[in-house]
Structure formats: structure tokens, C-alpha cells
Amino acid sequence: MLIILSHSPTVSDYDSLIEIAKKAVEKGEKVAILHVQDSCIATTMGEYFEELAENKIDAYVLRADCEARGLLEKVGRDVKIIDYKEWVKLVMDKHGTIVSWT
């Protein structure tokens, strides 16, 4: 499952998102969250990306959106920074289910 997240942590229910992702992982599903637009902010928050890593949830962030917000240097160590081509690969080759979380 690839979850595409676009809203910042201040306006979206990240707790519910993480709970759903954790349950999917518990059932044996490979789960990843791609952060785009304002959700890039979350990839700079240590507690957030550490919780993803602890629960075996892969974290990705779109380079262009981080650069646009001046956050590229602040992205957490366990977050994979990707470009648009890599986003397409995630959707087409690595995940069968795509969820857009708003």
C-alpha cells in the first residue's frame, strides 16, 4: 500500500493515518507513505518519522516540494528523498494499492 499524503500535520489526522498503516503492516502488507506538498513538513519532525521507522512503514518525500519549502536539509535520516520518476516507479512497480490521504 502506498499512501500519498499532501496536507501538513496541522490540518490532517496523522494519528489515524499511522494507526491504519500499522494495522496493514501487522497483517503483513508492505506500507509506504509518500509526502508531497505541505506534508513535507512532517518529514522534518523526529518523533513522526521515527514512529514510521519503528513500525516498518517506509517514508518518502518529494524532493521538489521540499526544495520549494526550504526543507531539504531538515528531512529526517530515515526518509527517502525521491524525484518524480521515482514516484512513478513507486506507483507502477512497487505498490498495488494507492491511497490518497487528505
PDB file of N, CA and C in Angstrom:
ATOM      1  N   MET A   1       0.842  -1.166   0.000  1.00  0.00           N
ATOM      2  CA  MET A   1       0.000   0.000   0.000  1.00  0.00           C
ATOM      3  C   MET A   1       0.895   1.239   0.000  1.00  0.00           C
ATOM      4  N   LEU A   2       0.652   2.127  -0.943  1.00  0.00           N
ATOM      5  CA  LEU A   2       1.324   3.427  -0.970  1.00  0.00           C
ATOM      6  C   LEU A   2       0.295   4.484  -0.609  1.00  0.00           C
ATOM      7  N   ILE A   3       0.560   5.203   0.466  1.00  0.00           N
ATOM      8  CA  ILE A   3      -0.311   6.286   0.902  1.00  0.00           C
ATOM      9  C   ILE A   3       0.340   7.589   0.452  1.00  0.00           C
ATOM     10  N   ILE A   4      -0.380   8.375  -0.314  1.00  0.00           N
ATOM     11  CA  ILE A   4       0.126   9.664  -0.764  1.00  0.00           C
ATOM     12  C   ILE A   4      -0.506  10.732   0.121  1.00  0.00           C
ATOM     13  N   LEU A   5       0.331  11.417   0.843  1.00  0.00           N
ATOM     14  CA  LEU A   5      -0.099  12.396   1.836  1.00  0.00           C
ATOM     15  C   LEU A   5       0.293  13.785   1.354  1.00  0.00           C
ATOM     16  N   SER A   6      -0.671  14.718   1.373  1.00  0.00           N
ATOM     17  CA  SER A   6      -0.372  16.050   0.851  1.00  0.00           C
ATOM     18  C   SER A   6      -0.567  17.189   1.845  1.00  0.00           C
ATOM     19  N   HIS A   7      -1.332  16.983   2.885  1.00  0.00           N
ATOM     20  CA  HIS A   7      -1.612  18.074   3.828  1.00  0.00           C
ATOM     21  C   HIS A   7      -0.628  18.085   4.989  1.00  0.00           C
ATOM     22  N   SER A   8      -0.432  19.255   5.559  1.00  0.00           N
ATOM     23  CA  SER A   8       0.503  19.402   6.671  1.00  0.00           C
ATOM     24  C   SER A   8      -0.038  18.712   7.926  1.00  0.00           C
ATOM     25  N   PRO A   9       0.844  18.443   8.874  1.00  0.00           N
ATOM     26  CA  PRO A   9       0.415  17.805  10.125  1.00  0.00           C
ATOM     27  C   PRO A   9      -0.572  18.642  10.928  1.00  0.00           C
ATOM     28  N   THR A  10      -0.645  19.943  10.666  1.00  0.00           N
ATOM     29  CA  THR A  10      -1.546  20.794  11.434  1.00  0.00           C
ATOM     30  C   THR A  10      -2.990  20.717  10.956  1.00  0.00           C
ATOM     31  N   VAL A  11      -3.224  20.197   9.739  1.00  0.00           N
ATOM     32  CA  VAL A  11      -4.592  20.161   9.213  1.00  0.00           C
ATOM     33  C   VAL A  11      -5.078  18.761   8.850  1.00  0.00           C
ATOM     34  N   SER A  12      -4.247  17.758   9.019  1.00  0.00           N
ATOM     35  CA  SER A  12      -4.640  16.394   8.659  1.00  0.00           C
ATOM     36  C   SER A  12      -4.496  15.484   9.875  1.00  0.00           C
ATOM     37  N   ASP A  13      -5.267  14.418   9.916  1.00  0.00           N
ATOM     38  CA  ASP A  13      -5.284  13.496  11.051  1.00  0.00           C
ATOM     39  C   ASP A  13      -4.201  12.431  10.876  1.00  0.00           C
ATOM     40  N   TYR A  14      -2.981  12.762  11.241  1.00  0.00           N
ATOM     41  CA  TYR A  14      -1.854  11.844  11.103  1.00  0.00           C
ATOM     42  C   TYR A  14      -1.963  10.654  12.047  1.00  0.00           C
ATOM     43  N   ASP A  15      -2.562  10.841  13.214  1.00  0.00           N
ATOM     44  CA  ASP A  15      -2.694   9.729  14.156  1.00  0.00           C
ATOM     45  C   ASP A  15      -3.523   8.601  13.551  1.00  0.00           C
ATOM     46  N   SER A  16      -4.632   8.946  12.919  1.00  0.00           N
ATOM     47  CA  SER A  16      -5.475   7.925  12.281  1.00  0.00           C
ATOM     48  C   SER A  16      -4.737   7.269  11.126  1.00  0.00           C
ATOM     49  N   LEU A  17      -4.016   8.059  10.363  1.00  0.00           N
ATOM     50  CA  LEU A  17      -3.245   7.529   9.244  1.00  0.00           C
ATOM     51  C   LEU A  17      -2.233   6.498   9.727  1.00  0.00           C
ATOM     52  N   ILE A  18      -1.505   6.823  10.760  1.00  0.00           N
ATOM     53  CA  ILE A  18      -0.493   5.901  11.278  1.00  0.00           C
ATOM     54  C   ILE A  18      -1.138   4.635  11.828  1.00  0.00           C
ATOM     55  N   GLU A  19      -2.270   4.768  12.498  1.00  0.00           N
ATOM     56  CA  GLU A  19      -2.964   3.583  13.023  1.00  0.00           C
ATOM     57  C   GLU A  19      -3.391   2.644  11.890  1.00  0.00           C
ATOM     58  N   ILE A  20      -3.920   3.196  10.825  1.00  0.00           N
ATOM     59  CA  ILE A  20      -4.326   2.382   9.677  1.00  0.00           C
ATOM     60  C   ILE A  20      -3.108   1.710   9.053  1.00  0.00           C
ATOM     61  N   ALA A  21      -2.033   2.467   8.898  1.00  0.00           N
ATOM     62  CA  ALA A  21      -0.812   1.911   8.317  1.00  0.00           C
ATOM     63  C   ALA A  21      -0.242   0.798   9.198  1.00  0.00           C
ATOM     64  N   LYS A  22      -0.239   0.990  10.506  1.00  0.00           N
ATOM     65  CA  LYS A  22       0.277  -0.024  11.428  1.00  0.00           C
ATOM     66  C   LYS A  22      -0.539  -1.314  11.332  1.00  0.00           C
ATOM     67  N   LYS A  23      -1.844  -1.196  11.229  1.00  0.00           N
ATOM     68  CA  LYS A  23      -2.695  -2.384  11.117  1.00  0.00           C
ATOM     69  C   LYS A  23      -2.417  -3.140   9.820  1.00  0.00           C
ATOM     70  N   ALA A  24      -2.176  -2.404   8.746  1.00  0.00           N
ATOM     71  CA  ALA A  24      -1.846  -3.048   7.473  1.00  0.00           C
ATOM     72  C   ALA A  24      -0.515  -3.786   7.561  1.00  0.00           C
ATOM     73  N   VAL A  25       0.459  -3.173   8.231  1.00  0.00           N
ATOM     74  CA  VAL A  25       1.760  -3.820   8.413  1.00  0.00           C
ATOM     75  C   VAL A  25       1.601  -5.080   9.259  1.00  0.00           C
ATOM     76  N   GLU A  26       0.796  -5.005  10.309  1.00  0.00           N
ATOM     77  CA  GLU A  26       0.556  -6.164  11.169  1.00  0.00           C
ATOM     78  C   GLU A  26      -0.043  -7.334  10.388  1.00  0.00           C
ATOM     79  N   LYS A  27      -0.806  -7.024   9.352  1.00  0.00           N
ATOM     80  CA  LYS A  27      -1.412  -8.059   8.512  1.00  0.00           C
ATOM     81  C   LYS A  27      -0.454  -8.556   7.427  1.00  0.00           C
ATOM     82  N   GLY A  28       0.771  -8.033   7.441  1.00  0.00           N
ATOM     83  CA  GLY A  28       1.778  -8.487   6.501  1.00  0.00           C
ATOM     84  C   GLY A  28       1.904  -7.676   5.226  1.00  0.00           C
ATOM     85  N   GLU A  29       1.202  -6.565   5.156  1.00  0.00           N
ATOM     86  CA  GLU A  29       1.263  -5.723   3.966  1.00  0.00           C
ATOM     87  C   GLU A  29       2.452  -4.766   4.057  1.00  0.00           C
ATOM     88  N   LYS A  30       3.109  -4.542   2.936  1.00  0.00           N
ATOM     89  CA  LYS A  30       4.195  -3.559   2.862  1.00  0.00           C
ATOM     90  C   LYS A  30       3.544  -2.186   2.684  1.00  0.00           C
ATOM     91  N   VAL A  31       3.875  -1.263   3.580  1.00  0.00           N
ATOM     92  CA  VAL A  31       3.239   0.055   3.574  1.00  0.00           C
ATOM     93  C   VAL A  31       4.309   1.143   3.449  1.00  0.00           C
ATOM     94  N   ALA A  32       4.003   2.129   2.617  1.00  0.00           N
ATOM     95  CA  ALA A  32       4.876   3.293   2.455  1.00  0.00           C
ATOM     96  C   ALA A  32       4.013   4.544   2.416  1.00  0.00           C
ATOM     97  N   ILE A  33       4.578   5.636   2.888  1.00  0.00           N
ATOM     98  CA  ILE A  33       3.894   6.929   2.824  1.00  0.00           C
ATOM     99  C   ILE A  33       4.770   7.871   2.006  1.00  0.00           C
ATOM    100  N   LEU A  34       4.179   8.444   0.971  1.00  0.00           N
ATOM    101  CA  LEU A  34       4.857   9.448   0.152  1.00  0.00           C
ATOM    102  C   LEU A  34       4.336  10.820   0.557  1.00  0.00           C
ATOM    103  N   HIS A  35       5.233  11.675   0.988  1.00  0.00           N
ATOM    104  CA  HIS A  35       4.892  13.029   1.426  1.00  0.00           C
ATOM    105  C   HIS A  35       5.111  14.002   0.278  1.00  0.00           C
ATOM    106  N   VAL A  36       4.049  14.686  -0.105  1.00  0.00           N
ATOM    107  CA  VAL A  36       4.124  15.702  -1.157  1.00  0.00           C
ATOM    108  C   VAL A  36       3.495  16.987  -0.621  1.00  0.00           C
ATOM    109  N   GLN A  37       3.724  18.059  -1.325  1.00  0.00           N
ATOM    110  CA  GLN A  37       3.175  19.368  -0.967  1.00  0.00           C
ATOM    111  C   GLN A  37       3.484  19.689   0.498  1.00  0.00           C
ATOM    112  N   ASP A  38       2.500  20.144   1.263  1.00  0.00           N
ATOM    113  CA  ASP A  38       2.749  20.587   2.639  1.00  0.00           C
ATOM    114  C   ASP A  38       3.021  19.461   3.637  1.00  0.00           C
ATOM    115  N   SER A  39       2.772  18.224   3.256  1.00  0.00           N
ATOM    116  CA  SER A  39       3.083  17.128   4.182  1.00  0.00           C
ATOM    117  C   SER A  39       4.585  16.932   4.324  1.00  0.00           C
ATOM    118  N   CYS A  40       5.381  17.575   3.468  1.00  0.00           N
ATOM    119  CA  CYS A  40       6.844  17.528   3.592  1.00  0.00           C
ATOM    120  C   CYS A  40       7.280  17.989   4.976  1.00  0.00           C
ATOM    121  N   ILE A  41       6.504  18.861   5.567  1.00  0.00           N
ATOM    122  CA  ILE A  41       6.823  19.371   6.907  1.00  0.00           C
ATOM    123  C   ILE A  41       6.984  18.223   7.893  1.00  0.00           C
ATOM    124  N   ALA A  42       6.151  17.211   7.778  1.00  0.00           N
ATOM    125  CA  ALA A  42       6.185  16.081   8.712  1.00  0.00           C
ATOM    126  C   ALA A  42       7.507  15.330   8.662  1.00  0.00           C
ATOM    127  N   THR A  43       8.170  15.325   7.506  1.00  0.00           N
ATOM    128  CA  THR A  43       9.426  14.579   7.380  1.00  0.00           C
ATOM    129  C   THR A  43      10.584  15.245   8.109  1.00  0.00           C
ATOM    130  N   THR A  44      10.339  16.414   8.674  1.00  0.00           N
ATOM    131  CA  THR A  44      11.365  17.102   9.470  1.00  0.00           C
ATOM    132  C   THR A  44      11.112  16.921  10.973  1.00  0.00           C
ATOM    133  N   MET A  45      10.032  16.236  11.309  1.00  0.00           N
ATOM    134  CA  MET A  45       9.624  16.056  12.706  1.00  0.00           C
ATOM    135  C   MET A  45      10.106  14.695  13.217  1.00  0.00           C
ATOM    136  N   GLY A  46      11.126  14.713  14.068  1.00  0.00           N
ATOM    137  CA  GLY A  46      11.771  13.493  14.533  1.00  0.00           C
ATOM    138  C   GLY A  46      10.835  12.436  15.076  1.00  0.00           C
ATOM    139  N   GLU A  47       9.948  12.821  15.946  1.00  0.00           N
ATOM    140  CA  GLU A  47       9.036  11.848  16.554  1.00  0.00           C
ATOM    141  C   GLU A  47       8.178  11.150  15.498  1.00  0.00           C
ATOM    142  N   TYR A  48       7.751  11.898  14.486  1.00  0.00           N
ATOM    143  CA  TYR A  48       6.900  11.341  13.434  1.00  0.00           C
ATOM    144  C   TYR A  48       7.646  10.308  12.591  1.00  0.00           C
ATOM    145  N   PHE A  49       8.784  10.699  12.007  1.00  0.00           N
ATOM    146  CA  PHE A  49       9.440   9.746  11.116  1.00  0.00           C
ATOM    147  C   PHE A  49      10.075   8.590  11.877  1.00  0.00           C
ATOM    148  N   GLU A  50      10.409   8.779  13.146  1.00  0.00           N
ATOM    149  CA  GLU A  50      10.899   7.669  13.960  1.00  0.00           C
ATOM    150  C   GLU A  50       9.785   6.655  14.224  1.00  0.00           C
ATOM    151  N   GLU A  51       8.561   7.144  14.435  1.00  0.00           N
ATOM    152  CA  GLU A  51       7.424   6.239  14.631  1.00  0.00           C
ATOM    153  C   GLU A  51       7.168   5.413  13.372  1.00  0.00           C
ATOM    154  N   LEU A  52       7.301   6.039  12.205  1.00  0.00           N
ATOM    155  CA  LEU A  52       7.138   5.291  10.959  1.00  0.00           C
ATOM    156  C   LEU A  52       8.183   4.185  10.870  1.00  0.00           C
ATOM    157  N   ALA A  53       9.432   4.528  11.132  1.00  0.00           N
ATOM    158  CA  ALA A  53      10.516   3.549  11.042  1.00  0.00           C
ATOM    159  C   ALA A  53      10.310   2.401  12.040  1.00  0.00           C
ATOM    160  N   GLU A  54       9.914   2.729  13.271  1.00  0.00           N
ATOM    161  CA  GLU A  54       9.668   1.708  14.297  1.00  0.00           C
ATOM    162  C   GLU A  54       8.593   0.716  13.864  1.00  0.00           C
ATOM    163  N   ASN A  55       7.632   1.193  13.094  1.00  0.00           N
ATOM    164  CA  ASN A  55       6.509   0.356  12.682  1.00  0.00           C
ATOM    165  C   ASN A  55       6.673  -0.197  11.269  1.00  0.00           C
ATOM    166  N   LYS A  56       7.898  -0.119  10.744  1.00  0.00           N
ATOM    167  CA  LYS A  56       8.228  -0.682   9.422  1.00  0.00           C
ATOM    168  C   LYS A  56       7.400  -0.068   8.301  1.00  0.00           C
ATOM    169  N   ILE A  57       7.164   1.231   8.410  1.00  0.00           N
ATOM    170  CA  ILE A  57       6.450   1.980   7.376  1.00  0.00           C
ATOM    171  C   ILE A  57       7.496   2.830   6.653  1.00  0.00           C
ATOM    172  N   ASP A  58       7.681   2.562   5.364  1.00  0.00           N
ATOM    173  CA  ASP A  58       8.661   3.324   4.592  1.00  0.00           C
ATOM    174  C   ASP A  58       8.171   4.751   4.394  1.00  0.00           C
ATOM    175  N   ALA A  59       9.091   5.698   4.500  1.00  0.00           N
ATOM    176  CA  ALA A  59       8.748   7.110   4.324  1.00  0.00           C
ATOM    177  C   ALA A  59       9.521   7.674   3.139  1.00  0.00           C
ATOM    178  N   TYR A  60       8.791   8.334   2.250  1.00  0.00           N
ATOM    179  CA  TYR A  60       9.367   9.003   1.089  1.00  0.00           C
ATOM    180  C   TYR A  60       8.905  10.452   1.097  1.00  0.00           C
ATOM    181  N   VAL A  61       9.710  11.308   0.470  1.00  0.00           N
ATOM    182  CA  VAL A  61       9.326  12.699   0.325  1.00  0.00           C
ATOM    183  C   VAL A  61       9.776  13.166  -1.058  1.00  0.00           C
ATOM    184  N   LEU A  62       8.965  13.991  -1.668  1.00  0.00           N
ATOM    185  CA  LEU A  62       9.262  14.508  -2.994  1.00  0.00           C
ATOM    186  C   LEU A  62      10.257  15.669  -2.895  1.00  0.00           C
ATOM    187  N   ARG A  63      11.392  15.479  -3.536  1.00  0.00           N
ATOM    188  CA  ARG A  63      12.479  16.472  -3.487  1.00  0.00           C
ATOM    189  C   ARG A  63      12.003  17.870  -3.885  1.00  0.00           C
ATOM    190  N   ALA A  64      11.281  17.978  -4.987  1.00  0.00           N
ATOM    191  CA  ALA A  64      10.857  19.293  -5.488  1.00  0.00           C
ATOM    192  C   ALA A  64      10.021  20.050  -4.459  1.00  0.00           C
ATOM    193  N   ASP A  65       9.152  19.343  -3.751  1.00  0.00           N
ATOM    194  CA  ASP A  65       8.309  20.002  -2.753  1.00  0.00           C
ATOM    195  C   ASP A  65       9.116  20.430  -1.526  1.00  0.00           C
ATOM    196  N   CYS A  66      10.110  19.629  -1.144  1.00  0.00           N
ATOM    197  CA  CYS A  66      10.987  20.028  -0.033  1.00  0.00           C
ATOM    198  C   CYS A  66      11.813  21.249  -0.404  1.00  0.00           C
ATOM    199  N   GLU A  67      12.338  21.241  -1.618  1.00  0.00           N
ATOM    200  CA  GLU A  67      13.129  22.385  -2.069  1.00  0.00           C
ATOM    201  C   GLU A  67      12.280  23.650  -2.104  1.00  0.00           C
ATOM    202  N   ALA A  68      11.056  23.542  -2.581  1.00  0.00           N
ATOM    203  CA  ALA A  68      10.172  24.701  -2.684  1.00  0.00           C
ATOM    204  C   ALA A  68       9.860  25.303  -1.313  1.00  0.00           C
ATOM    205  N   ARG A  69       9.928  24.487  -0.282  1.00  0.00           N
ATOM    206  CA  ARG A  69       9.610  24.942   1.065  1.00  0.00           C
ATOM    207  C   ARG A  69      10.853  25.173   1.930  1.00  0.00           C
ATOM    208  N   GLY A  70      12.024  24.994   1.346  1.00  0.00           N
ATOM    209  CA  GLY A  70      13.267  25.192   2.083  1.00  0.00           C
ATOM    210  C   GLY A  70      13.515  24.155   3.162  1.00  0.00           C
ATOM    211  N   LEU A  71      13.020  22.933   2.960  1.00  0.00           N
ATOM    212  CA  LEU A  71      13.105  21.898   3.990  1.00  0.00           C
ATOM    213  C   LEU A  71      14.080  20.773   3.667  1.00  0.00           C
ATOM    214  N   LEU A  72      14.697  20.798   2.530  1.00  0.00           N
ATOM    215  CA  LEU A  72      15.504  19.667   2.083  1.00  0.00           C
ATOM    216  C   LEU A  72      16.586  19.274   3.090  1.00  0.00           C
ATOM    217  N   GLU A  73      17.243  20.240   3.681  1.00  0.00           N
ATOM    218  CA  GLU A  73      18.321  19.960   4.633  1.00  0.00           C
ATOM    219  C   GLU A  73      17.804  19.458   5.989  1.00  0.00           C
ATOM    220  N   LYS A  74      16.501  19.562   6.232  1.00  0.00           N
ATOM    221  CA  LYS A  74      15.932  19.186   7.527  1.00  0.00           C
ATOM    222  C   LYS A  74      15.230  17.833   7.516  1.00  0.00           C
ATOM    223  N   VAL A  75      15.154  17.192   6.349  1.00  0.00           N
ATOM    224  CA  VAL A  75      14.442  15.909   6.230  1.00  0.00           C
ATOM    225  C   VAL A  75      15.153  14.849   7.071  1.00  0.00           C
ATOM    226  N   GLY A  76      14.369  14.037   7.756  1.00  0.00           N
ATOM    227  CA  GLY A  76      14.908  13.003   8.641  1.00  0.00           C
ATOM    228  C   GLY A  76      15.740  11.958   7.934  1.00  0.00           C
ATOM    229  N   ARG A  77      16.641  11.350   8.666  1.00  0.00           N
ATOM    230  CA  ARG A  77      17.603  10.400   8.108  1.00  0.00           C
ATOM    231  C   ARG A  77      16.972   9.139   7.531  1.00  0.00           C
ATOM    232  N   ASP A  78      15.837   8.729   8.048  1.00  0.00           N
ATOM    233  CA  ASP A  78      15.191   7.508   7.562  1.00  0.00           C
ATOM    234  C   ASP A  78      14.196   7.763   6.433  1.00  0.00           C
ATOM    235  N   VAL A  79      14.074   8.998   6.006  1.00  0.00           N
ATOM    236  CA  VAL A  79      13.138   9.367   4.941  1.00  0.00           C
ATOM    237  C   VAL A  79      13.891   9.369   3.610  1.00  0.00           C
ATOM    238  N   LYS A  80      13.345   8.670   2.632  1.00  0.00           N
ATOM    239  CA  LYS A  80      13.978   8.617   1.314  1.00  0.00           C
ATOM    240  C   LYS A  80      13.480   9.779   0.457  1.00  0.00           C
ATOM    241  N   ILE A  81      14.414  10.568  -0.035  1.00  0.00           N
ATOM    242  CA  ILE A  81      14.085  11.721  -0.879  1.00  0.00           C
ATOM    243  C   ILE A  81      14.062  11.251  -2.327  1.00  0.00           C
ATOM    244  N   ILE A  82      12.919  11.472  -3.002  1.00  0.00           N
ATOM    245  CA  ILE A  82      12.773  10.958  -4.361  1.00  0.00           C
ATOM    246  C   ILE A  82      12.364  12.072  -5.333  1.00  0.00           C
ATOM    247  N   ASP A  83      12.517  11.772  -6.620  1.00  0.00           N
ATOM    248  CA  ASP A  83      12.082  12.704  -7.663  1.00  0.00           C
ATOM    249  C   ASP A  83      10.809  12.161  -8.320  1.00  0.00           C
ATOM    250  N   TYR A  84      10.330  12.837  -9.350  1.00  0.00           N
ATOM    251  CA  TYR A  84       9.080  12.430  -9.996  1.00  0.00           C
ATOM    252  C   TYR A  84       9.183  11.056 -10.653  1.00  0.00           C
ATOM    253  N   LYS A  85      10.324  10.733 -11.250  1.00  0.00           N
ATOM    254  CA  LYS A  85      10.499   9.414 -11.886  1.00  0.00           C
ATOM    255  C   LYS A  85      10.390   8.300 -10.846  1.00  0.00           C
ATOM    256  N   GLU A  86      10.991   8.530  -9.681  1.00  0.00           N
ATOM    257  CA  GLU A  86      10.922   7.530  -8.617  1.00  0.00           C
ATOM    258  C   GLU A  86       9.501   7.404  -8.065  1.00  0.00           C
ATOM    259  N   TRP A  87       8.749   8.496  -8.078  1.00  0.00           N
ATOM    260  CA  TRP A  87       7.342   8.454  -7.662  1.00  0.00           C
ATOM    261  C   TRP A  87       6.567   7.533  -8.598  1.00  0.00           C
ATOM    262  N   VAL A  88       6.793   7.673  -9.878  1.00  0.00           N
ATOM    263  CA  VAL A  88       6.118   6.818 -10.860  1.00  0.00           C
ATOM    264  C   VAL A  88       6.474   5.353 -10.619  1.00  0.00           C
ATOM    265  N   LYS A  89       7.733   5.065 -10.325  1.00  0.00           N
ATOM    266  CA  LYS A  89       8.147   3.690 -10.045  1.00  0.00           C
ATOM    267  C   LYS A  89       7.433   3.133  -8.811  1.00  0.00           C
ATOM    268  N   LEU A  90       7.287   3.973  -7.776  1.00  0.00           N
ATOM    269  CA  LEU A  90       6.564   3.531  -6.583  1.00  0.00           C
ATOM    270  C   LEU A  90       5.143   3.111  -6.935  1.00  0.00           C
ATOM    271  N   VAL A  91       4.488   3.923  -7.757  1.00  0.00           N
ATOM    272  CA  VAL A  91       3.094   3.669  -8.121  1.00  0.00           C
ATOM    273  C   VAL A  91       2.985   2.469  -9.071  1.00  0.00           C
ATOM    274  N   MET A  92       3.840   2.417 -10.067  1.00  0.00           N
ATOM    275  CA  MET A  92       3.706   1.415 -11.116  1.00  0.00           C
ATOM    276  C   MET A  92       4.325   0.057 -10.770  1.00  0.00           C
ATOM    277  N   ASP A  93       5.426   0.068 -10.019  1.00  0.00           N
ATOM    278  CA  ASP A  93       6.190  -1.166  -9.828  1.00  0.00           C
ATOM    279  C   ASP A  93       6.190  -1.735  -8.418  1.00  0.00           C
ATOM    280  N   LYS A  94       5.990  -0.908  -7.408  1.00  0.00           N
ATOM    281  CA  LYS A  94       6.213  -1.389  -6.044  1.00  0.00           C
ATOM    282  C   LYS A  94       4.964  -1.554  -5.203  1.00  0.00           C
ATOM    283  N   HIS A  95       3.870  -0.908  -5.566  1.00  0.00           N
ATOM    284  CA  HIS A  95       2.674  -0.959  -4.712  1.00  0.00           C
ATOM    285  C   HIS A  95       1.424  -1.200  -5.548  1.00  0.00           C
ATOM    286  N   GLY A  96       0.633  -2.161  -5.104  1.00  0.00           N
ATOM    287  CA  GLY A  96      -0.602  -2.493  -5.815  1.00  0.00           C
ATOM    288  C   GLY A  96      -1.776  -1.614  -5.414  1.00  0.00           C
ATOM    289  N   THR A  97      -1.750  -1.109  -4.205  1.00  0.00           N
ATOM    290  CA  THR A  97      -2.829  -0.273  -3.713  1.00  0.00           C
ATOM    291  C   THR A  97      -2.299   1.136  -3.456  1.00  0.00           C
ATOM    292  N   ILE A  98      -3.019   2.130  -3.986  1.00  0.00           N
ATOM    293  CA  ILE A  98      -2.642   3.516  -3.797  1.00  0.00           C
ATOM    294  C   ILE A  98      -3.777   4.219  -3.056  1.00  0.00           C
ATOM    295  N   VAL A  99      -3.430   4.930  -1.986  1.00  0.00           N
ATOM    296  CA  VAL A  99      -4.413   5.664  -1.197  1.00  0.00           C
ATOM    297  C   VAL A  99      -3.992   7.123  -1.127  1.00  0.00           C
ATOM    298  N   SER A 100      -4.896   8.016  -1.462  1.00  0.00           N
ATOM    299  CA  SER A 100      -4.633   9.443  -1.314  1.00  0.00           C
ATOM    300  C   SER A 100      -5.276   9.903  -0.026  1.00  0.00           C
ATOM    301  N   TRP A 101      -4.451  10.379   0.919  1.00  0.00           N
ATOM    302  CA  TRP A 101      -4.933  10.776   2.237  1.00  0.00           C
ATOM    303  C   TRP A 101      -5.039  12.298   2.291  1.00  0.00           C
ATOM    304  N   THR A 102      -6.243  12.790   2.545  1.00  0.00           N
ATOM    305  CA  THR A 102      -6.421  14.232   2.634  1.00  0.00           C
ATOM    306  C   THR A 102      -6.964  14.631   3.985  1.00  0.00           C
TER     307      THR A 102
END
